[in-house]
PDB file of N, CA and C in Angstrom:
ATOM      1  N   MET A   1      96.408  93.367 102.699  1.00  0.00           N
ATOM      2  CA  MET A   1      97.083  94.655 102.672  1.00  0.00           C
ATOM      3  C   MET A   1      96.495  95.553 103.608  1.00  0.00           C
ATOM      4  N   THR A   2      97.315  96.514 104.144  1.00  0.00           N
ATOM      5  CA  THR A   2      96.788  97.535 105.001  1.00  0.00           C
ATOM      6  C   THR A   2      97.492  98.831 104.822  1.00  0.00           C
ATOM      7  N   THR A   3      97.065  99.932 105.301  1.00  0.00           N
ATOM      8  CA  THR A   3      97.742 101.259 105.139  1.00  0.00           C
ATOM      9  C   THR A   3      97.952 101.755 106.579  1.00  0.00           C
ATOM     10  N   VAL A   4      98.956 102.615 106.673  1.00  0.00           N
ATOM     11  CA  VAL A   4      99.279 103.326 107.952  1.00  0.00           C
ATOM     12  C   VAL A   4      99.760 104.780 107.551  1.00  0.00           C
ATOM     13  N   ALA A   5      99.784 105.553 108.540  1.00  0.00           N
ATOM     14  CA  ALA A   5     100.167 107.012 108.276  1.00  0.00           C
ATOM     15  C   ALA A   5     101.623 107.242 108.288  1.00  0.00           C
ATOM     16  N   THR A   6     102.324 106.469 108.977  1.00  0.00           N
ATOM     17  CA  THR A   6     103.826 106.821 109.130  1.00  0.00           C
ATOM     18  C   THR A   6     104.684 105.545 108.728  1.00  0.00           C
ATOM     19  N   ARG A   7     105.915 105.919 108.310  1.00  0.00           N
ATOM     20  CA  ARG A   7     106.843 104.866 108.011  1.00  0.00           C
ATOM     21  C   ARG A   7     107.220 104.040 109.285  1.00  0.00           C
ATOM     22  N   ASP A   8     107.308 104.747 110.422  1.00  0.00           N
ATOM     23  CA  ASP A   8     107.508 104.030 111.741  1.00  0.00           C
ATOM     24  C   ASP A   8     106.480 102.951 111.948  1.00  0.00           C
ATOM     25  N   ASP A   9     105.159 103.315 111.760  1.00  0.00           N
ATOM     26  CA  ASP A   9     104.118 102.369 111.983  1.00  0.00           C
ATOM     27  C   ASP A   9     104.251 101.244 110.924  1.00  0.00           C
ATOM     28  N   ALA A  10     104.606 101.555 109.778  1.00  0.00           N
ATOM     29  CA  ALA A  10     104.735 100.499 108.669  1.00  0.00           C
ATOM     30  C   ALA A  10     105.735  99.554 109.092  1.00  0.00           C
ATOM     31  N   ALA A  11     107.020 100.152 109.538  1.00  0.00           N
ATOM     32  CA  ALA A  11     108.070  99.255 109.896  1.00  0.00           C
ATOM     33  C   ALA A  11     107.908  98.369 111.066  1.00  0.00           C
ATOM     34  N   ARG A  12     107.058  99.008 111.973  1.00  0.00           N
ATOM     35  CA  ARG A  12     106.782  98.256 113.301  1.00  0.00           C
ATOM     36  C   ARG A  12     105.895  97.082 112.955  1.00  0.00           C
ATOM     37  N   ILE A  13     104.810  97.347 112.149  1.00  0.00           N
ATOM     38  CA  ILE A  13     103.842  96.215 111.922  1.00  0.00           C
ATOM     39  C   ILE A  13     104.557  95.249 111.009  1.00  0.00           C
ATOM     40  N   ALA A  14     105.219  95.622 109.951  1.00  0.00           N
ATOM     41  CA  ALA A  14     105.887  94.597 109.015  1.00  0.00           C
ATOM     42  C   ALA A  14     106.849  93.853 109.783  1.00  0.00           C
ATOM     43  N   GLY A  15     107.666  94.326 110.593  1.00  0.00           N
ATOM     44  CA  GLY A  15     108.671  93.552 111.329  1.00  0.00           C
ATOM     45  C   GLY A  15     108.026  92.624 112.287  1.00  0.00           C
ATOM     46  N   ALA A  16     106.918  93.008 112.976  1.00  0.00           N
ATOM     47  CA  ALA A  16     106.316  92.161 113.929  1.00  0.00           C
ATOM     48  C   ALA A  16     105.602  90.945 113.203  1.00  0.00           C
ATOM     49  N   LEU A  17     105.059  91.196 111.954  1.00  0.00           N
ATOM     50  CA  LEU A  17     104.372  90.087 111.254  1.00  0.00           C
ATOM     51  C   LEU A  17     105.439  89.097 110.728  1.00  0.00           C
ATOM     52  N   VAL A  18     106.599  89.615 110.268  1.00  0.00           N
ATOM     53  CA  VAL A  18     107.632  88.727 109.768  1.00  0.00           C
ATOM     54  C   VAL A  18     108.198  87.892 110.936  1.00  0.00           C
ATOM     55  N   ILE A  19     108.544  88.615 111.965  1.00  0.00           N
ATOM     56  CA  ILE A  19     109.062  87.845 113.193  1.00  0.00           C
ATOM     57  C   ILE A  19     108.218  86.794 113.722  1.00  0.00           C
ATOM     58  N   ALA A  20     106.874  87.080 113.714  1.00  0.00           N
ATOM     59  CA  ALA A  20     105.984  86.124 114.195  1.00  0.00           C
ATOM     60  C   ALA A  20     105.585  84.961 113.161  1.00  0.00           C
ATOM     61  N   LYS A  21     106.227  85.175 112.072  1.00  0.00           N
ATOM     62  CA  LYS A  21     106.103  84.185 110.982  1.00  0.00           C
ATOM     63  C   LYS A  21     104.645  84.161 110.428  1.00  0.00           C
ATOM     64  N   LEU A  22     103.981  85.194 110.642  1.00  0.00           N
ATOM     65  CA  LEU A  22     102.535  85.426 110.028  1.00  0.00           C
ATOM     66  C   LEU A  22     102.681  85.870 108.650  1.00  0.00           C
ATOM     67  N   ALA A  23     103.757  86.445 108.196  1.00  0.00           N
ATOM     68  CA  ALA A  23     104.020  86.882 106.925  1.00  0.00           C
ATOM     69  C   ALA A  23     105.406  86.474 106.444  1.00  0.00           C
ATOM     70  N   ALA A  24     105.525  86.033 105.119  1.00  0.00           N
ATOM     71  CA  ALA A  24     106.771  85.680 104.642  1.00  0.00           C
ATOM     72  C   ALA A  24     107.486  87.062 104.125  1.00  0.00           C
ATOM     73  N   CYS A  25     106.809  87.982 103.728  1.00  0.00           N
ATOM     74  CA  CYS A  25     107.312  89.252 103.241  1.00  0.00           C
ATOM     75  C   CYS A  25     106.298  90.285 103.378  1.00  0.00           C
ATOM     76  N   VAL A  26     106.725  91.535 103.729  1.00  0.00           N
ATOM     77  CA  VAL A  26     105.900  92.674 103.757  1.00  0.00           C
ATOM     78  C   VAL A  26     106.505  93.785 102.933  1.00  0.00           C
ATOM     79  N   GLN A  27     105.890  94.328 101.886  1.00  0.00           N
ATOM     80  CA  GLN A  27     106.463  95.372 101.145  1.00  0.00           C
ATOM     81  C   GLN A  27     105.756  96.678 101.516  1.00  0.00           C
ATOM     82  N   VAL A  28     106.580  97.693 101.643  1.00  0.00           N
ATOM     83  CA  VAL A  28     106.035  99.053 102.133  1.00  0.00           C
ATOM     84  C   VAL A  28     106.197 100.029 101.048  1.00  0.00           C
ATOM     85  N   LEU A  29     105.044 100.554 100.606  1.00  0.00           N
ATOM     86  CA  LEU A  29     105.212 101.656  99.504  1.00  0.00           C
ATOM     87  C   LEU A  29     104.475 102.825  99.957  1.00  0.00           C
ATOM     88  N   PRO A  30     105.094 103.969  99.630  1.00  0.00           N
ATOM     89  CA  PRO A  30     104.460 105.300  99.974  1.00  0.00           C
ATOM     90  C   PRO A  30     103.365 105.470  98.912  1.00  0.00           C
ATOM     91  N   MET A  31     102.376 106.144  99.354  1.00  0.00           N
ATOM     92  CA  MET A  31     101.173 106.456  98.508  1.00  0.00           C
ATOM     93  C   MET A  31     100.447 107.668  98.982  1.00  0.00           C
ATOM     94  N   GLU A  32      99.478 108.175  98.207  1.00  0.00           N
ATOM     95  CA  GLU A  32      98.422 109.123  98.475  1.00  0.00           C
ATOM     96  C   GLU A  32      97.042 108.458  98.579  1.00  0.00           C
ATOM     97  N   SER A  33      96.380 108.841  99.592  1.00  0.00           N
ATOM     98  CA  SER A  33      94.911 108.401  99.738  1.00  0.00           C
ATOM     99  C   SER A  33      93.928 109.395  99.786  1.00  0.00           C
ATOM    100  N   TYR A  34      92.940 109.193  99.138  1.00  0.00           N
ATOM    101  CA  TYR A  34      91.762 110.182  99.065  1.00  0.00           C
ATOM    102  C   TYR A  34      90.496 109.232  99.537  1.00  0.00           C
ATOM    103  N   TYR A  35      89.803 109.783 100.543  1.00  0.00           N
ATOM    104  CA  TYR A  35      88.729 109.035 101.079  1.00  0.00           C
ATOM    105  C   TYR A  35      87.727 109.878 101.840  1.00  0.00           C
ATOM    106  N   THR A  36      86.667 109.297 102.034  1.00  0.00           N
ATOM    107  CA  THR A  36      85.606 109.951 102.861  1.00  0.00           C
ATOM    108  C   THR A  36      85.721 109.402 104.325  1.00  0.00           C
ATOM    109  N   TRP A  37      85.853 110.270 105.284  1.00  0.00           N
ATOM    110  CA  TRP A  37      85.845 109.856 106.754  1.00  0.00           C
ATOM    111  C   TRP A  37      84.996 110.895 107.508  1.00  0.00           C
ATOM    112  N   ARG A  38      84.044 110.399 108.172  1.00  0.00           N
ATOM    113  CA  ARG A  38      83.183 111.225 109.019  1.00  0.00           C
ATOM    114  C   ARG A  38      82.564 112.424 108.278  1.00  0.00           C
ATOM    115  N   ASN A  39      82.034 112.041 107.094  1.00  0.00           N
ATOM    116  CA  ASN A  39      81.366 113.054 106.235  1.00  0.00           C
ATOM    117  C   ASN A  39      82.196 114.068 105.566  1.00  0.00           C
ATOM    118  N   ALA A  40      83.445 113.846 105.542  1.00  0.00           N
ATOM    119  CA  ALA A  40      84.398 114.781 104.971  1.00  0.00           C
ATOM    120  C   ALA A  40      85.356 114.209 104.008  1.00  0.00           C
ATOM    121  N   ILE A  41      85.685 114.760 102.965  1.00  0.00           N
ATOM    122  CA  ILE A  41      86.728 114.262 102.111  1.00  0.00           C
ATOM    123  C   ILE A  41      88.167 114.501 102.782  1.00  0.00           C
ATOM    124  N   ALA A  42      88.851 113.450 102.736  1.00  0.00           N
ATOM    125  CA  ALA A  42      90.190 113.537 103.320  1.00  0.00           C
ATOM    126  C   ALA A  42      91.299 113.209 102.280  1.00  0.00           C
ATOM    127  N   HIS A  43      92.543 113.736 102.455  1.00  0.00           N
ATOM    128  CA  HIS A  43      93.588 113.329 101.537  1.00  0.00           C
ATOM    129  C   HIS A  43      94.911 113.305 102.468  1.00  0.00           C
ATOM    130  N   GLU A  44      95.458 112.166 102.424  1.00  0.00           N
ATOM    131  CA  GLU A  44      96.641 111.971 103.298  1.00  0.00           C
ATOM    132  C   GLU A  44      97.714 111.160 102.584  1.00  0.00           C
ATOM    133  N   ASN A  45      98.932 111.367 103.026  1.00  0.00           N
ATOM    134  CA  ASN A  45     100.033 110.617 102.582  1.00  0.00           C
ATOM    135  C   ASN A  45     100.009 109.269 103.519  1.00  0.00           C
ATOM    136  N   GLU A  46     100.105 108.105 102.992  1.00  0.00           N
ATOM    137  CA  GLU A  46     100.114 106.921 103.792  1.00  0.00           C
ATOM    138  C   GLU A  46     101.211 105.971 103.175  1.00  0.00           C
ATOM    139  N   PHE A  47     101.338 104.805 103.883  1.00  0.00           N
ATOM    140  CA  PHE A  47     102.174 103.790 103.512  1.00  0.00           C
ATOM    141  C   PHE A  47     101.386 102.431 103.324  1.00  0.00           C
ATOM    142  N   LEU A  48     101.432 101.847 102.161  1.00  0.00           N
ATOM    143  CA  LEU A  48     100.692 100.594 101.886  1.00  0.00           C
ATOM    144  C   LEU A  48     101.589  99.488 102.212  1.00  0.00           C
ATOM    145  N   LEU A  49     101.038  98.498 103.024  1.00  0.00           N
ATOM    146  CA  LEU A  49     101.789  97.296 103.376  1.00  0.00           C
ATOM    147  C   LEU A  49     101.156  96.141 102.614  1.00  0.00           C
ATOM    148  N   LEU A  50     101.898  95.598 101.701  1.00  0.00           N
ATOM    149  CA  LEU A  50     101.542  94.395 100.982  1.00  0.00           C
ATOM    150  C   LEU A  50     102.127  93.174 101.636  1.00  0.00           C
ATOM    151  N   ILE A  51     101.285  92.410 102.207  1.00  0.00           N
ATOM    152  CA  ILE A  51     101.717  91.288 103.112  1.00  0.00           C
ATOM    153  C   ILE A  51     101.468  89.941 102.452  1.00  0.00           C
ATOM    154  N   LYS A  52     102.555  89.183 102.368  1.00  0.00           N
ATOM    155  CA  LYS A  52     102.456  87.838 101.613  1.00  0.00           C
ATOM    156  C   LYS A  52     102.346  86.883 102.756  1.00  0.00           C
ATOM    157  N   THR A  53     101.293  85.965 102.707  1.00  0.00           N
ATOM    158  CA  THR A  53     101.058  84.909 103.737  1.00  0.00           C
ATOM    159  C   THR A  53     100.476  83.812 103.024  1.00  0.00           C
ATOM    160  N   ARG A  54      99.910  82.810 103.928  1.00  0.00           N
ATOM    161  CA  ARG A  54      99.131  81.689 103.519  1.00  0.00           C
ATOM    162  C   ARG A  54      97.709  81.912 103.961  1.00  0.00           C
ATOM    163  N   THR A  55      96.736  81.306 103.241  1.00  0.00           N
ATOM    164  CA  THR A  55      95.325  81.342 103.534  1.00  0.00           C
ATOM    165  C   THR A  55      95.128  80.718 105.032  1.00  0.00           C
ATOM    166  N   ALA A  56      95.869  79.760 105.432  1.00  0.00           N
ATOM    167  CA  ALA A  56      95.730  79.209 106.731  1.00  0.00           C
ATOM    168  C   ALA A  56      96.045  80.207 107.937  1.00  0.00           C
ATOM    169  N   LEU A  57      96.780  81.283 107.584  1.00  0.00           N
ATOM    170  CA  LEU A  57      97.109  82.273 108.581  1.00  0.00           C
ATOM    171  C   LEU A  57      96.381  83.484 108.612  1.00  0.00           C
ATOM    172  N   VAL A  58      95.285  83.603 107.691  1.00  0.00           N
ATOM    173  CA  VAL A  58      94.635  84.851 107.588  1.00  0.00           C
ATOM    174  C   VAL A  58      93.987  85.348 108.931  1.00  0.00           C
ATOM    175  N   ASP A  59      93.333  84.492 109.653  1.00  0.00           N
ATOM    176  CA  ASP A  59      92.648  84.894 110.849  1.00  0.00           C
ATOM    177  C   ASP A  59      93.767  85.391 111.884  1.00  0.00           C
ATOM    178  N   ASP A  60      94.856  84.719 112.045  1.00  0.00           N
ATOM    179  CA  ASP A  60      95.844  85.074 112.926  1.00  0.00           C
ATOM    180  C   ASP A  60      96.439  86.407 112.515  1.00  0.00           C
ATOM    181  N   LEU A  61      96.702  86.567 111.210  1.00  0.00           N
ATOM    182  CA  LEU A  61      97.098  87.841 110.641  1.00  0.00           C
ATOM    183  C   LEU A  61      96.211  89.012 110.905  1.00  0.00           C
ATOM    184  N   LEU A  62      94.969  88.868 110.652  1.00  0.00           N
ATOM    185  CA  LEU A  62      94.082  89.798 110.898  1.00  0.00           C
ATOM    186  C   LEU A  62      94.047  90.360 112.300  1.00  0.00           C
ATOM    187  N   HIS A  63      94.110  89.435 113.308  1.00  0.00           N
ATOM    188  CA  HIS A  63      94.109  89.747 114.619  1.00  0.00           C
ATOM    189  C   HIS A  63      95.417  90.497 115.043  1.00  0.00           C
ATOM    190  N   ALA A  64      96.475  90.059 114.485  1.00  0.00           N
ATOM    191  CA  ALA A  64      97.725  90.642 114.785  1.00  0.00           C
ATOM    192  C   ALA A  64      97.769  92.159 114.290  1.00  0.00           C
ATOM    193  N   ILE A  65      97.269  92.384 112.998  1.00  0.00           N
ATOM    194  CA  ILE A  65      97.130  93.680 112.476  1.00  0.00           C
ATOM    195  C   ILE A  65      96.263  94.654 113.269  1.00  0.00           C
ATOM    196  N   GLU A  66      95.076  94.032 113.564  1.00  0.00           N
ATOM    197  CA  GLU A  66      94.211  94.832 114.453  1.00  0.00           C
ATOM    198  C   GLU A  66      94.730  95.216 115.732  1.00  0.00           C
ATOM    199  N   ALA A  67      95.502  94.366 116.395  1.00  0.00           N
ATOM    200  CA  ALA A  67      96.184  94.613 117.752  1.00  0.00           C
ATOM    201  C   ALA A  67      97.245  95.761 117.602  1.00  0.00           C
ATOM    202  N   ALA A  68      97.886  95.806 116.439  1.00  0.00           N
ATOM    203  CA  ALA A  68      99.101  96.654 116.282  1.00  0.00           C
ATOM    204  C   ALA A  68      98.760  97.976 115.604  1.00  0.00           C
ATOM    205  N   HIS A  69      97.526  98.046 114.961  1.00  0.00           N
ATOM    206  CA  HIS A  69      97.244  99.222 114.009  1.00  0.00           C
ATOM    207  C   HIS A  69      96.841 100.422 114.759  1.00  0.00           C
ATOM    208  N   PRO A  70      97.288 101.541 114.441  1.00  0.00           N
ATOM    209  CA  PRO A  70      96.899 102.780 115.211  1.00  0.00           C
ATOM    210  C   PRO A  70      95.557 103.416 114.675  1.00  0.00           C
ATOM    211  N   TYR A  71      95.013 102.931 113.534  1.00  0.00           N
ATOM    212  CA  TYR A  71      93.851 103.604 113.086  1.00  0.00           C
ATOM    213  C   TYR A  71      92.617 103.101 113.703  1.00  0.00           C
ATOM    214  N   GLU A  72      91.651 103.871 113.911  1.00  0.00           N
ATOM    215  CA  GLU A  72      90.324 103.531 114.502  1.00  0.00           C
ATOM    216  C   GLU A  72      89.620 102.489 113.673  1.00  0.00           C
ATOM    217  N   THR A  73      89.666 102.646 112.322  1.00  0.00           N
ATOM    218  CA  THR A  73      89.060 101.634 111.500  1.00  0.00           C
ATOM    219  C   THR A  73      90.025 101.345 110.289  1.00  0.00           C
ATOM    220  N   PRO A  74      90.936 100.448 110.668  1.00  0.00           N
ATOM    221  CA  PRO A  74      92.016 100.165 109.559  1.00  0.00           C
ATOM    222  C   PRO A  74      91.513  99.476 108.442  1.00  0.00           C
ATOM    223  N   GLU A  75      92.140  99.775 107.263  1.00  0.00           N
ATOM    224  CA  GLU A  75      91.900  99.004 105.986  1.00  0.00           C
ATOM    225  C   GLU A  75      92.649  97.707 106.284  1.00  0.00           C
ATOM    226  N   ILE A  76      91.994  96.577 106.196  1.00  0.00           N
ATOM    227  CA  ILE A  76      92.672  95.256 106.244  1.00  0.00           C
ATOM    228  C   ILE A  76      91.899  94.391 105.220  1.00  0.00           C
ATOM    229  N   VAL A  77      92.450  94.054 104.156  1.00  0.00           N
ATOM    230  CA  VAL A  77      91.842  93.355 103.002  1.00  0.00           C
ATOM    231  C   VAL A  77      92.661  92.274 102.659  1.00  0.00           C
ATOM    232  N   PHE A  78      92.151  91.096 102.144  1.00  0.00           N
ATOM    233  CA  PHE A  78      92.881  90.001 101.705  1.00  0.00           C
ATOM    234  C   PHE A  78      92.426  89.764 100.228  1.00  0.00           C
ATOM    235  N   THR A  79      93.445  89.383  99.453  1.00  0.00           N
ATOM    236  CA  THR A  79      93.246  88.998  98.105  1.00  0.00           C
ATOM    237  C   THR A  79      93.992  87.585  97.886  1.00  0.00           C
ATOM    238  N   GLU A  80      93.289  86.612  97.479  1.00  0.00           N
ATOM    239  CA  GLU A  80      93.729  85.305  97.329  1.00  0.00           C
ATOM    240  C   GLU A  80      94.613  85.116  95.949  1.00  0.00           C
ATOM    241  N   PHE A  81      95.738  84.640  96.043  1.00  0.00           N
ATOM    242  CA  PHE A  81      96.448  84.329  94.895  1.00  0.00           C
ATOM    243  C   PHE A  81      96.045  82.853  94.366  1.00  0.00           C
ATOM    244  N   LYS A  82      95.587  82.872  93.125  1.00  0.00           N
ATOM    245  CA  LYS A  82      95.048  81.527  92.605  1.00  0.00           C
ATOM    246  C   LYS A  82      96.126  80.830  91.788  1.00  0.00           C
ATOM    247  N   GLU A  83      97.026  81.617  91.249  1.00  0.00           N
ATOM    248  CA  GLU A  83      98.100  81.206  90.331  1.00  0.00           C
ATOM    249  C   GLU A  83      99.346  82.016  90.610  1.00  0.00           C
ATOM    250  N   GLY A  84     100.449  81.434  90.350  1.00  0.00           N
ATOM    251  CA  GLY A  84     101.740  82.062  90.500  1.00  0.00           C
ATOM    252  C   GLY A  84     102.903  81.148  90.477  1.00  0.00           C
ATOM    253  N   SER A  85     104.019  81.563  90.733  1.00  0.00           N
ATOM    254  CA  SER A  85     105.250  80.764  90.816  1.00  0.00           C
ATOM    255  C   SER A  85     105.208  79.754  91.851  1.00  0.00           C
ATOM    256  N   ALA A  86     105.268  78.471  91.480  1.00  0.00           N
ATOM    257  CA  ALA A  86     105.286  77.416  92.443  1.00  0.00           C
ATOM    258  C   ALA A  86     106.459  77.567  93.494  1.00  0.00           C
ATOM    259  N   ASP A  87     107.674  77.988  92.910  1.00  0.00           N
ATOM    260  CA  ASP A  87     108.799  78.217  93.781  1.00  0.00           C
ATOM    261  C   ASP A  87     108.455  79.318  94.793  1.00  0.00           C
ATOM    262  N   TYR A  88     107.886  80.427  94.472  1.00  0.00           N
ATOM    263  CA  TYR A  88     107.502  81.506  95.311  1.00  0.00           C
ATOM    264  C   TYR A  88     106.519  81.017  96.423  1.00  0.00           C
ATOM    265  N   PHE A  89     105.523  80.371  95.980  1.00  0.00           N
ATOM    266  CA  PHE A  89     104.541  79.765  96.942  1.00  0.00           C
ATOM    267  C   PHE A  89     105.202  78.732  98.014  1.00  0.00           C
ATOM    268  N   SER A  90     106.174  77.984  97.536  1.00  0.00           N
ATOM    269  CA  SER A  90     106.883  77.090  98.461  1.00  0.00           C
ATOM    270  C   SER A  90     107.763  77.884  99.319  1.00  0.00           C
ATOM    271  N   TRP A  91     108.253  78.952  98.954  1.00  0.00           N
ATOM    272  CA  TRP A  91     109.139  79.736  99.853  1.00  0.00           C
ATOM    273  C   TRP A  91     108.194  80.368 100.932  1.00  0.00           C
ATOM    274  N   ILE A  92     107.051  80.875 100.530  1.00  0.00           N
ATOM    275  CA  ILE A  92     106.095  81.432 101.532  1.00  0.00           C
ATOM    276  C   ILE A  92     105.741  80.400 102.551  1.00  0.00           C
ATOM    277  N   GLU A  93     105.495  79.033 102.112  1.00  0.00           N
ATOM    278  CA  GLU A  93     105.118  78.024 102.932  1.00  0.00           C
ATOM    279  C   GLU A  93     106.252  77.737 103.948  1.00  0.00           C
ATOM    280  N   SER A  94     107.534  77.757 103.395  1.00  0.00           N
ATOM    281  CA  SER A  94     108.706  77.457 104.192  1.00  0.00           C
ATOM    282  C   SER A  94     109.153  78.458 105.300  1.00  0.00           C
ATOM    283  N   VAL A  95     108.739  79.742 105.105  1.00  0.00           N
ATOM    284  CA  VAL A  95     109.189  80.695 106.083  1.00  0.00           C
ATOM    285  C   VAL A  95     108.028  81.233 106.973  1.00  0.00           C
ATOM    286  N   THR A  96     106.886  80.741 106.826  1.00  0.00           N
ATOM    287  CA  THR A  96     105.670  81.025 107.697  1.00  0.00           C
ATOM    288  C   THR A  96     105.410  80.021 108.623  1.00  0.00           C
ATOM    289  N   LYS A  97     104.711  80.317 109.714  1.00  0.00           N
ATOM    290  CA  LYS A  97     104.443  79.317 110.667  1.00  0.00           C
ATOM    291  C   LYS A  97     103.329  78.309 110.244  1.00  0.00           C
ATOM    292  N   SER A  98     103.425  77.120 110.747  1.00  0.00           N
ATOM    293  CA  SER A  98     102.399  76.125 110.465  1.00  0.00           C
ATOM    294  C   SER A  98     100.997  76.636 111.015  1.00  0.00           C
ATOM    295  N   GLY A  99     100.044  76.589 110.183  1.00  0.00           N
ATOM    296  CA  GLY A  99      98.722  77.108 110.645  1.00  0.00           C
ATOM    297  C   GLY A  99      97.689  76.118 110.462  1.00  0.00           C
TER     298      GLY A  99
END
């Protein structure tokens, strides 16, 4: 997952990841973030991108997000799915590039 400040940035990154077959799906959710940045408390509206991919594509996905992301220090974190719908995992496999 990653966060961005604008819907346009979210759409641009999401579209690029799906077109490149690095992601099967990217969900974009509006949210509020509270955080510390440069010794000050910040509060911003952001958009959370939940990116569905395969473990084999994590490095390529990370580099693609870093290259496209407007933040100086973007949040880019990965959570491994250990269990879930076999049909869903098969779909992800079928629509992402071989890695």
